Protein backbone atom coordinates (compact mmCIF):
# COMPACT_ATOMS: atom_id res chain seq x y z
CA MET A 1 -0.05 14.18 -8.15
CA GLU A 2 -1.01 12.25 -5.07
CA ARG A 3 -3.60 9.55 -5.43
CA LEU A 4 -5.25 7.30 -2.94
CA PHE A 5 -3.85 3.79 -2.80
CA THR A 6 -5.12 0.84 -0.79
CA TYR A 7 -3.71 -2.37 0.49
CA MET A 8 -5.51 -5.43 1.70
CA PHE A 9 -3.99 -7.90 4.12
CA ARG A 10 -7.00 -10.11 4.74
CA PHE A 11 -9.96 -10.67 2.37
CA ILE A 12 -13.30 -10.71 4.23
CA SER A 13 -15.97 -9.55 1.82
CA THR A 14 -18.12 -11.58 -0.53
CA ILE A 15 -17.50 -10.94 -4.20
CA LYS A 16 -21.03 -9.60 -4.71
CA GLU A 17 -20.57 -7.12 -1.89
CA LEU A 18 -17.24 -6.04 -3.35
CA GLU A 19 -18.62 -5.53 -6.86
CA ALA A 20 -21.42 -3.39 -5.48
CA GLN A 21 -19.06 -1.25 -3.47
CA LEU A 22 -16.69 -0.75 -6.40
CA LYS A 23 -19.46 1.01 -8.33
CA ASP A 24 -20.04 3.55 -5.56
CA TYR A 25 -16.73 5.30 -6.16
CA GLU A 26 -16.54 5.08 -9.93
CA THR A 27 -17.15 8.82 -10.30
CA MET A 28 -14.09 9.52 -8.13
CA ARG A 29 -11.83 7.06 -9.91
CA GLN A 30 -9.92 9.63 -11.98
CA GLU A 31 -9.66 12.28 -9.26
CA ASN A 32 -6.63 13.04 -7.12
CA GLY A 33 -8.61 14.10 -4.09
CA THR A 34 -10.63 17.05 -2.88
CA LYS A 35 -11.76 18.07 0.59
CA GLU A 36 -15.28 16.99 -0.35
CA SER A 37 -14.35 13.57 -1.71
CA ILE A 38 -12.07 12.82 1.23
CA ASN A 39 -14.79 13.87 3.67
CA LYS A 40 -17.04 11.27 2.01
CA LEU A 41 -14.46 8.51 2.41
CA VAL A 42 -13.73 9.49 6.01
CA SER A 43 -17.43 9.52 6.81
CA ASP A 44 -17.82 6.00 5.40
CA LEU A 45 -14.88 4.78 7.46
CA ASN A 46 -16.17 6.40 10.64
CA ASN A 47 -19.51 4.66 10.17
CA ALA A 48 -18.01 1.28 9.29
CA ASN A 49 -18.14 -1.68 11.66
CA LEU A 50 -14.45 -2.55 11.70
CA GLU A 51 -13.47 -5.97 12.98
CA PRO A 52 -11.52 -5.86 16.26
CA ASP A 53 -8.65 -8.06 15.04
CA VAL A 54 -7.55 -5.85 12.16
CA ASP A 55 -5.50 -2.69 11.83
CA VAL A 56 -6.68 0.05 9.46
CA VAL A 57 -4.37 2.78 8.18
CA VAL A 58 -5.22 5.65 5.82
CA ALA A 59 -2.62 7.68 3.93
CA PRO A 60 -4.01 10.91 2.49
CA PRO A 61 -2.05 13.29 0.27
CA PHE A 62 0.11 15.52 2.46
CA VAL A 63 -2.17 18.55 2.17
CA TYR A 64 -5.12 16.56 3.55
CA ILE A 65 -3.41 14.70 6.40
CA ASP A 66 -4.48 17.22 9.02
CA GLN A 67 -8.05 17.23 7.72
CA VAL A 68 -8.23 13.45 7.93
CA LYS A 69 -6.50 13.32 11.31
CA ASN A 70 -9.01 15.76 12.80
CA SER A 71 -12.08 13.98 11.44
CA LEU A 72 -11.20 10.28 11.42
CA THR A 73 -11.89 7.90 14.27
CA ASP A 74 -8.92 7.10 16.51
CA ARG A 75 -9.52 3.45 15.62
CA ILE A 76 -7.79 4.13 12.28
CA GLU A 77 -4.14 5.18 11.96
CA ILE A 78 -2.62 7.74 9.59
CA ALA A 79 0.12 7.13 7.00
CA ALA A 80 1.98 9.34 4.54
CA GLN A 81 2.70 8.67 0.88
CA ASN A 82 6.40 9.53 1.12
CA SER A 83 9.08 10.82 3.52
CA TRP A 84 12.59 12.28 3.44
CA ILE A 85 15.77 10.30 3.90
CA GLY A 86 16.90 11.85 7.18
CA LYS A 87 16.13 14.23 10.01
CA GLY A 88 15.58 17.28 7.83
CA GLY A 89 17.38 20.39 6.66
CA ALA A 90 17.21 22.64 3.61
CA PHE A 91 15.27 20.28 1.32
CA THR A 92 12.44 22.44 0.01
CA GLY A 93 9.30 20.50 -0.81
CA GLU A 94 10.25 17.35 1.12
CA ILE A 95 8.50 16.03 4.23
CA SER A 96 10.50 14.79 7.20
CA VAL A 97 9.63 11.78 9.31
CA GLU A 98 9.61 14.07 12.34
CA GLN A 99 6.97 16.27 10.72
CA LEU A 100 4.86 13.25 9.87
CA LYS A 101 5.04 11.95 13.42
CA ASP A 102 4.23 15.41 14.76
CA ILE A 103 0.90 15.41 12.90
CA GLY A 104 0.07 11.85 13.93
CA CYS A 105 1.29 9.58 11.12
CA LYS A 106 2.16 5.98 12.02
CA TRP A 107 3.06 4.56 8.55
CA VAL A 108 4.71 5.70 5.31
CA VAL A 109 4.63 4.32 1.75
CA LEU A 110 8.14 4.06 0.23
CA GLY A 111 9.47 2.93 -3.14
CA HIS A 112 6.25 3.49 -5.06
CA SER A 113 6.72 3.12 -8.81
CA GLU A 114 6.23 6.83 -9.54
CA ARG A 115 8.91 7.68 -6.99
CA ARG A 116 11.23 5.21 -8.73
CA HIS A 117 10.51 5.81 -12.41
CA VAL A 118 9.28 9.40 -12.51
CA ILE A 119 11.13 11.08 -9.63
CA GLY A 120 14.20 8.88 -10.11
CA GLU A 121 14.68 7.40 -6.64
CA ASP A 122 16.97 4.35 -6.70
CA ASP A 123 17.01 1.27 -4.48
CA LEU A 124 19.76 2.59 -2.20
CA PHE A 125 17.98 5.89 -1.64
CA ILE A 126 14.66 4.16 -0.91
CA GLY A 127 16.36 1.74 1.46
CA LYS A 128 17.87 4.64 3.40
CA LYS A 129 14.43 6.21 3.65
CA ALA A 130 13.08 2.98 5.09
CA THR A 131 15.92 2.75 7.59
CA TYR A 132 15.30 6.23 8.90
CA ALA A 133 11.51 5.91 8.99
CA LEU A 134 11.72 2.68 10.98
CA SER A 135 14.33 4.12 13.32
CA GLN A 136 11.89 6.87 14.18
CA GLY A 137 8.97 4.52 14.77
CA LEU A 138 7.07 4.72 11.48
CA GLY A 139 5.92 1.50 9.83
CA VAL A 140 6.94 1.08 6.17
CA ILE A 141 4.88 -0.14 3.22
CA ALA A 142 7.69 -1.20 0.87
CA CYS A 143 6.69 -1.15 -2.82
CA ILE A 144 8.30 -3.40 -5.43
CA GLY A 145 7.48 -4.22 -9.06
CA GLU A 146 8.78 -4.58 -12.61
CA LEU A 147 8.38 -2.58 -15.83
CA LEU A 148 6.72 -4.16 -18.87
CA LYS A 149 10.07 -4.46 -20.66
CA GLU A 150 11.54 -6.25 -17.66
CA ARG A 151 8.65 -8.72 -17.55
CA GLU A 152 8.90 -9.39 -21.28
CA GLU A 153 12.63 -10.06 -20.87
CA GLY A 154 11.96 -12.55 -18.09
CA LYS A 155 13.50 -10.32 -15.41
CA THR A 156 10.48 -9.97 -13.09
CA ASN A 157 11.93 -11.98 -10.23
CA ASP A 158 15.38 -10.41 -10.61
CA VAL A 159 13.90 -6.91 -10.34
CA CYS A 160 11.65 -7.75 -7.40
CA PHE A 161 14.49 -9.54 -5.58
CA GLN A 162 16.83 -6.58 -6.11
CA GLN A 163 14.24 -4.13 -4.78
CA THR A 164 13.43 -6.39 -1.83
CA LYS A 165 17.14 -6.80 -1.10
CA ALA A 166 17.53 -3.02 -0.89
CA PHE A 167 14.95 -2.99 1.89
CA ALA A 168 16.44 -6.09 3.53
CA ASP A 169 19.91 -4.57 3.55
CA ALA A 170 18.58 -1.40 5.14
CA VAL A 171 15.92 -2.30 7.68
CA PRO A 172 16.92 -3.34 11.22
CA SER A 173 13.73 -5.35 11.67
CA TRP A 174 10.78 -6.52 9.58
CA ASP A 175 8.27 -6.19 12.41
CA ASN A 176 6.72 -3.04 10.92
CA VAL A 177 7.31 -3.66 7.22
CA VAL A 178 4.70 -4.69 4.63
CA ILE A 179 5.72 -5.54 1.04
CA ALA A 180 3.44 -4.28 -1.74
CA TYR A 181 3.95 -5.93 -5.16
CA GLU A 182 2.71 -3.70 -7.97
CA PRO A 183 3.73 -4.49 -11.56
CA VAL A 184 4.44 -1.11 -13.14
CA TRP A 185 2.94 -2.16 -16.46
CA ALA A 186 -0.46 -2.47 -14.78
CA ILE A 187 -0.52 1.10 -13.43
CA GLY A 188 -3.27 3.17 -15.00
CA THR A 189 -3.57 0.81 -17.96
CA GLY A 190 -6.48 -1.36 -16.86
CA LYS A 191 -4.20 -4.36 -17.26
CA VAL A 192 -3.75 -6.76 -14.40
CA ALA A 193 -1.42 -9.67 -13.85
CA THR A 194 -3.13 -13.00 -14.21
CA PRO A 195 -3.79 -14.77 -10.91
CA GLN A 196 -0.95 -17.18 -11.68
CA GLN A 197 1.48 -14.37 -12.59
CA ALA A 198 0.77 -12.57 -9.33
CA GLN A 199 0.89 -15.80 -7.33
CA ASP A 200 4.25 -16.72 -8.86
CA VAL A 201 5.81 -13.40 -7.84
CA HIS A 202 4.40 -13.57 -4.30
CA VAL A 203 5.74 -17.10 -3.84
CA ALA A 204 9.12 -16.10 -5.26
CA VAL A 205 9.45 -13.04 -3.00
CA ARG A 206 8.45 -15.01 0.07
CA ASP A 207 10.96 -17.71 -0.85
CA TRP A 208 13.63 -15.03 -1.27
CA LEU A 209 12.86 -13.74 2.22
CA LYS A 210 13.15 -17.26 3.60
CA LYS A 211 16.54 -17.87 1.99
CA ASN A 212 18.04 -14.42 2.53
CA VAL A 213 16.44 -13.07 5.70
CA SER A 214 14.81 -15.78 7.80
CA ALA A 215 12.00 -18.31 7.74
CA GLU A 216 10.23 -16.33 10.46
CA VAL A 217 10.28 -13.10 8.47
CA ALA A 218 9.12 -14.96 5.36
CA SER A 219 6.21 -16.43 7.28
CA LYS A 220 5.09 -13.26 9.05
CA THR A 221 5.62 -10.54 6.44
CA HIS A 222 2.50 -9.44 4.57
CA ILE A 223 2.96 -9.37 0.76
CA ILE A 224 0.10 -7.61 -0.96
CA TYR A 225 -0.88 -7.25 -4.63
CA ARG A 226 -2.14 -3.81 -5.52
CA ARG A 227 -2.53 -3.22 -9.23
CA SER A 228 -5.77 -2.89 -11.26
CA VAL A 229 -7.75 -5.13 -8.95
CA ASN A 230 -11.48 -4.73 -9.46
CA GLY A 231 -14.81 -6.46 -9.10
CA SER A 232 -14.34 -8.54 -12.23
CA ASN A 233 -10.94 -10.02 -11.42
CA CYS A 234 -10.69 -10.03 -7.63
CA ALA A 235 -12.39 -13.43 -7.18
CA GLU A 236 -9.73 -15.36 -9.09
CA LEU A 237 -6.88 -13.36 -7.59
CA ALA A 238 -8.21 -13.90 -4.07
CA LYS A 239 -8.28 -17.68 -4.60
CA GLN A 240 -4.49 -17.74 -4.89
CA GLU A 241 -2.87 -19.04 -1.72
CA ASP A 242 -0.18 -16.37 -1.39
CA ILE A 243 -2.06 -13.30 -2.63
CA VAL A 244 -3.56 -10.60 -0.45
CA LEU A 245 -5.33 -7.96 -2.48
CA SER A 246 -5.34 -4.20 -2.74
CA LEU A 247 -8.70 -3.30 -4.22
CA GLN A 248 -9.48 -0.14 -6.15
CA ASN A 249 -12.42 2.18 -5.58
CA CYS A 250 -14.18 0.26 -2.84
CA SER A 251 -16.17 1.71 0.00
CA ALA A 252 -16.86 1.23 3.67
CA GLY A 253 -20.55 0.97 4.46
CA PRO A 254 -22.63 1.05 7.64
CA THR A 255 -22.50 -2.73 8.00
CA GLY A 256 -18.74 -2.88 7.83
CA LEU A 257 -15.68 -2.36 5.69
CA HIS A 258 -16.43 -4.66 2.80
CA VAL A 259 -12.80 -5.16 1.90
CA ASP A 260 -9.78 -5.07 4.15
CA SER A 261 -8.37 -2.16 2.26
CA TYR A 262 -9.33 -0.29 -0.84
CA VAL A 263 -7.82 2.06 -3.35
CA ALA A 264 -9.32 5.34 -4.32
CA PRO A 265 -7.53 8.31 -5.77
CA GLN A 266 -8.01 10.43 -2.68
CA LEU A 267 -6.83 8.46 0.29
CA GLU A 268 -4.58 5.54 0.92
CA ILE A 269 -6.04 2.88 3.12
CA VAL A 270 -4.33 -0.07 4.69
CA GLU A 271 -6.09 -2.67 6.76
CA GLY A 272 -4.79 -5.97 8.00
CA THR A 273 -4.48 -8.40 10.81
CA ARG A 274 -2.84 -6.93 13.87
CA LEU A 275 0.92 -6.65 13.50
């Protein structure tokens, strides 16, 4: 099932505004998207006063990409929630990068935890997907994160480094790559990493990039936290120096997009400073 995810590169809302907006989409929180619910989100985005120095990307489920593309302002780009490893062929049910580009997608989400732990995609396979997507001009949102057992065994950094290395070994350039840290144990559980836990991972991943890729890549690459962030915990998370948030169930209103990106089960939204 395809849900709406969101990523936030730059936090601009007040906490009170955020808490108010979170309540607006509570009724849609458990849904996986309908034409009606997506129309509501698209309408909010079209009416939002988006700041000129940010990029906004939405990634609907595949079946709704064309609907969103035809109704969303050109100010906002389109992403997909997955793509195939190569040019195409007899791979029933998969979506090729060429098809995504043909319908107007500019980004793709790769390595999401469900793709890893439910579908069974491994690091090498995900890295090859990233290589091909980037080679064809799609930006990549590269997901990393540990299972609960791995955290309890003290392997969080090892897992995140291994997953990051798979992307680093595969991508020719980091110019159009965003890292999304999402601890698997916080998916759908209501649990969230403490601000310090999330901060520690973000610092560690950025330090890994510095040592193993380059200081420039470490400095420029966005690393976002996107698990079980809500109105009650976002304030403390946002105070952490190295954390950029992905916020669930927020809304864009007529006075602006109150968070830089927001998660809802129907549409994936990415907003950040211009890349």
